[in-house]
C-alpha atoms as a PDB file:
ATOM      1  CA  MET A   1      12.010   3.862 -11.796  1.00  0.00           C
ATOM      2  CA  SER A   2      12.987   1.306 -14.380  1.00  0.00           C
ATOM      3  CA  GLU A   3      10.979   0.095 -17.361  1.00  0.00           C
ATOM      4  CA  GLU A   4      10.018  -2.935 -15.262  1.00  0.00           C
ATOM      5  CA  SER A   5       8.484  -0.789 -12.540  1.00  0.00           C
ATOM      6  CA  ARG A   6       4.750  -0.853 -12.045  1.00  0.00           C
ATOM      7  CA  GLU A   7       2.309   0.825  -9.706  1.00  0.00           C
ATOM      8  CA  LEU A   8      -0.173  -0.723  -7.297  1.00  0.00           C
ATOM      9  CA  HIS A   9      -3.178   1.329  -6.270  1.00  0.00           C
ATOM     10  CA  ALA A  10      -5.277  -0.208  -3.503  1.00  0.00           C
ATOM     11  CA  ILE A  11      -8.210   0.729  -1.298  1.00  0.00           C
ATOM     12  CA  VAL A  12      -8.357  -1.413   1.845  1.00  0.00           C
ATOM     13  CA  PHE A  13     -11.719  -1.988   3.563  1.00  0.00           C
ATOM     14  CA  GLY A  14     -12.346  -3.296   7.071  1.00  0.00           C
ATOM     15  CA  ARG A  15     -11.042  -2.331  10.492  1.00  0.00           C
ATOM     16  CA  VAL A  16      -7.997  -0.538   9.118  1.00  0.00           C
ATOM     17  CA  GLN A  17      -8.028   2.870  10.817  1.00  0.00           C
ATOM     18  CA  GLY A  18      -6.844   3.342  14.386  1.00  0.00           C
ATOM     19  CA  VAL A  19      -4.994   0.007  14.411  1.00  0.00           C
ATOM     20  CA  GLY A  20      -1.578   1.004  13.006  1.00  0.00           C
ATOM     21  CA  TYR A  21      -2.417  -0.119   9.483  1.00  0.00           C
ATOM     22  CA  ARG A  22      -0.623   2.774   7.734  1.00  0.00           C
ATOM     23  CA  TYR A  23       2.532   2.164   9.783  1.00  0.00           C
ATOM     24  CA  PHE A  24       2.290  -1.527   8.926  1.00  0.00           C
ATOM     25  CA  VAL A  25       2.098  -0.572   5.221  1.00  0.00           C
ATOM     26  CA  LEU A  26       5.062   1.784   5.631  1.00  0.00           C
ATOM     27  CA  ASP A  27       7.202  -0.952   7.211  1.00  0.00           C
ATOM     28  CA  GLN A  28       6.223  -3.570   4.623  1.00  0.00           C
ATOM     29  CA  ALA A  29       6.807  -1.226   1.668  1.00  0.00           C
ATOM     30  CA  ALA A  30      10.188  -0.120   3.013  1.00  0.00           C
ATOM     31  CA  ALA A  31      11.266  -3.739   3.528  1.00  0.00           C
ATOM     32  CA  LEU A  32      10.311  -4.488  -0.088  1.00  0.00           C
ATOM     33  CA  GLY A  33      12.124  -1.426  -1.476  1.00  0.00           C
ATOM     34  CA  LEU A  34       8.956   0.249  -2.756  1.00  0.00           C
ATOM     35  CA  SER A  35       8.184   3.934  -3.215  1.00  0.00           C
ATOM     36  CA  GLY A  36       4.812   5.591  -2.740  1.00  0.00           C
ATOM     37  CA  TRP A  37       2.412   6.575   0.011  1.00  0.00           C
ATOM     38  CA  THR A  38      -0.508   5.501   2.178  1.00  0.00           C
ATOM     39  CA  ARG A  39      -3.281   7.512   3.794  1.00  0.00           C
ATOM     40  CA  ASN A  40      -6.565   7.249   5.661  1.00  0.00           C
ATOM     41  CA  LEU A  41      -9.654   8.213   3.689  1.00  0.00           C
ATOM     42  CA  PRO A  42     -12.743   9.844   5.250  1.00  0.00           C
ATOM     43  CA  ASN A  43     -14.882   6.730   4.594  1.00  0.00           C
ATOM     44  CA  THR A  44     -12.717   4.654   7.045  1.00  0.00           C
ATOM     45  CA  THR A  45     -10.723   2.928   4.293  1.00  0.00           C
ATOM     46  CA  VAL A  46      -6.969   3.153   3.709  1.00  0.00           C
ATOM     47  CA  GLU A  47      -5.519   4.066   0.311  1.00  0.00           C
ATOM     48  CA  VAL A  48      -2.143   2.759  -0.846  1.00  0.00           C
ATOM     49  CA  LEU A  49      -0.092   3.748  -3.881  1.00  0.00           C
ATOM     50  CA  ALA A  50       3.134   1.780  -4.253  1.00  0.00           C
ATOM     51  CA  GLN A  51       5.705   1.638  -7.040  1.00  0.00           C
ATOM     52  CA  GLY A  52       8.444  -0.828  -7.810  1.00  0.00           C
ATOM     53  CA  ARG A  53       9.131  -4.311  -9.139  1.00  0.00           C
ATOM     54  CA  LEU A  54       6.137  -6.528  -9.811  1.00  0.00           C
ATOM     55  CA  ASP A  55       7.302  -9.236  -7.384  1.00  0.00           C
ATOM     56  CA  ALA A  56       7.676  -6.654  -4.603  1.00  0.00           C
ATOM     57  CA  LEU A  57       4.232  -5.204  -5.360  1.00  0.00           C
ATOM     58  CA  ASN A  58       2.723  -8.683  -5.183  1.00  0.00           C
ATOM     59  CA  GLY A  59       4.475  -9.169  -1.840  1.00  0.00           C
ATOM     60  CA  LEU A  60       2.995  -5.912  -0.569  1.00  0.00           C
ATOM     61  CA  LEU A  61      -0.476  -6.882  -1.771  1.00  0.00           C
ATOM     62  CA  ALA A  62      -0.226 -10.164   0.150  1.00  0.00           C
ATOM     63  CA  ALA A  63       0.841  -8.197   3.249  1.00  0.00           C
ATOM     64  CA  LEU A  64      -2.062  -5.765   2.799  1.00  0.00           C
ATOM     65  CA  HIS A  65      -4.456  -8.717   3.013  1.00  0.00           C
ATOM     66  CA  ARG A  66      -2.827  -9.820   6.303  1.00  0.00           C
ATOM     67  CA  GLY A  67      -2.595  -6.392   7.910  1.00  0.00           C
ATOM     68  CA  PRO A  68      -1.410  -5.746  11.463  1.00  0.00           C
ATOM     69  CA  SER A  69      -2.590  -7.917  14.351  1.00  0.00           C
ATOM     70  CA  GLY A  70      -5.119  -5.332  15.582  1.00  0.00           C
ATOM     71  CA  GLY A  71      -6.767  -4.875  12.196  1.00  0.00           C
ATOM     72  CA  ARG A  72      -9.215  -6.848  10.123  1.00  0.00           C
ATOM     73  CA  VAL A  73      -9.148  -6.606   6.333  1.00  0.00           C
ATOM     74  CA  GLU A  74     -12.506  -7.337   4.728  1.00  0.00           C
ATOM     75  CA  ARG A  75     -11.569  -6.675   1.118  1.00  0.00           C
ATOM     76  CA  ILE A  76      -9.103  -4.845  -1.097  1.00  0.00           C
ATOM     77  CA  ASP A  77      -9.906  -3.172  -4.389  1.00  0.00           C
ATOM     78  CA  SER A  78      -6.592  -3.054  -6.248  1.00  0.00           C
ATOM     79  CA  GLN A  79      -5.179  -2.282  -9.658  1.00  0.00           C
ATOM     80  CA  LEU A  80      -1.720  -2.850 -11.118  1.00  0.00           C
ATOM     81  CA  ARG A  81      -0.884  -0.244 -13.728  1.00  0.00           C
ATOM     82  CA  GLY A  82       1.842   1.877 -15.261  1.00  0.00           C
ATOM     83  CA  ILE A  83       3.418   4.656 -13.190  1.00  0.00           C
ATOM     84  CA  THR A  84       1.091   7.674 -12.843  1.00  0.00           C
ATOM     85  CA  GLU A  85       3.288   9.890 -10.627  1.00  0.00           C
ATOM     86  CA  ILE A  86       6.909   9.859  -9.515  1.00  0.00           C
ATOM     87  CA  CYS A  87       7.381   8.967  -5.843  1.00  0.00           C
ATOM     88  CA  ASN A  88      10.619   9.010  -3.883  1.00  0.00           C
ATOM     89  CA  GLY A  89      10.662   6.831  -0.796  1.00  0.00           C
ATOM     90  CA  PHE A  90       7.533   5.658   0.977  1.00  0.00           C
ATOM     91  CA  ARG A  91       5.562   7.885   3.328  1.00  0.00           C
ATOM     92  CA  ILE A  92       2.345   8.311   5.238  1.00  0.00           C
ATOM     93  CA  THR A  93       0.381  11.240   3.882  1.00  0.00           C
ATOM     94  CA  HIS A  94      -2.904  12.987   4.608  1.00  0.00           C
END
């Protein structure tokens, strides 16, 4: 990670489980060259932690609002911050 790297932490609310949302996030993050992870949470939300350039993180945030065709995003609680953990690649976790 470079000095310019930042971290996006997001919780996505809506119809985001069981619709391929995590795989959508994985594809979008990989296309943008981001590192991090995404996972389902027990309360039916999806959590995303992504690291990389600010412009790429903003691109991912815009994609998170769109979501996959089968999903419906109601709202996203997000925070841009400094790096809190070192991630290599982007993965789906549990």
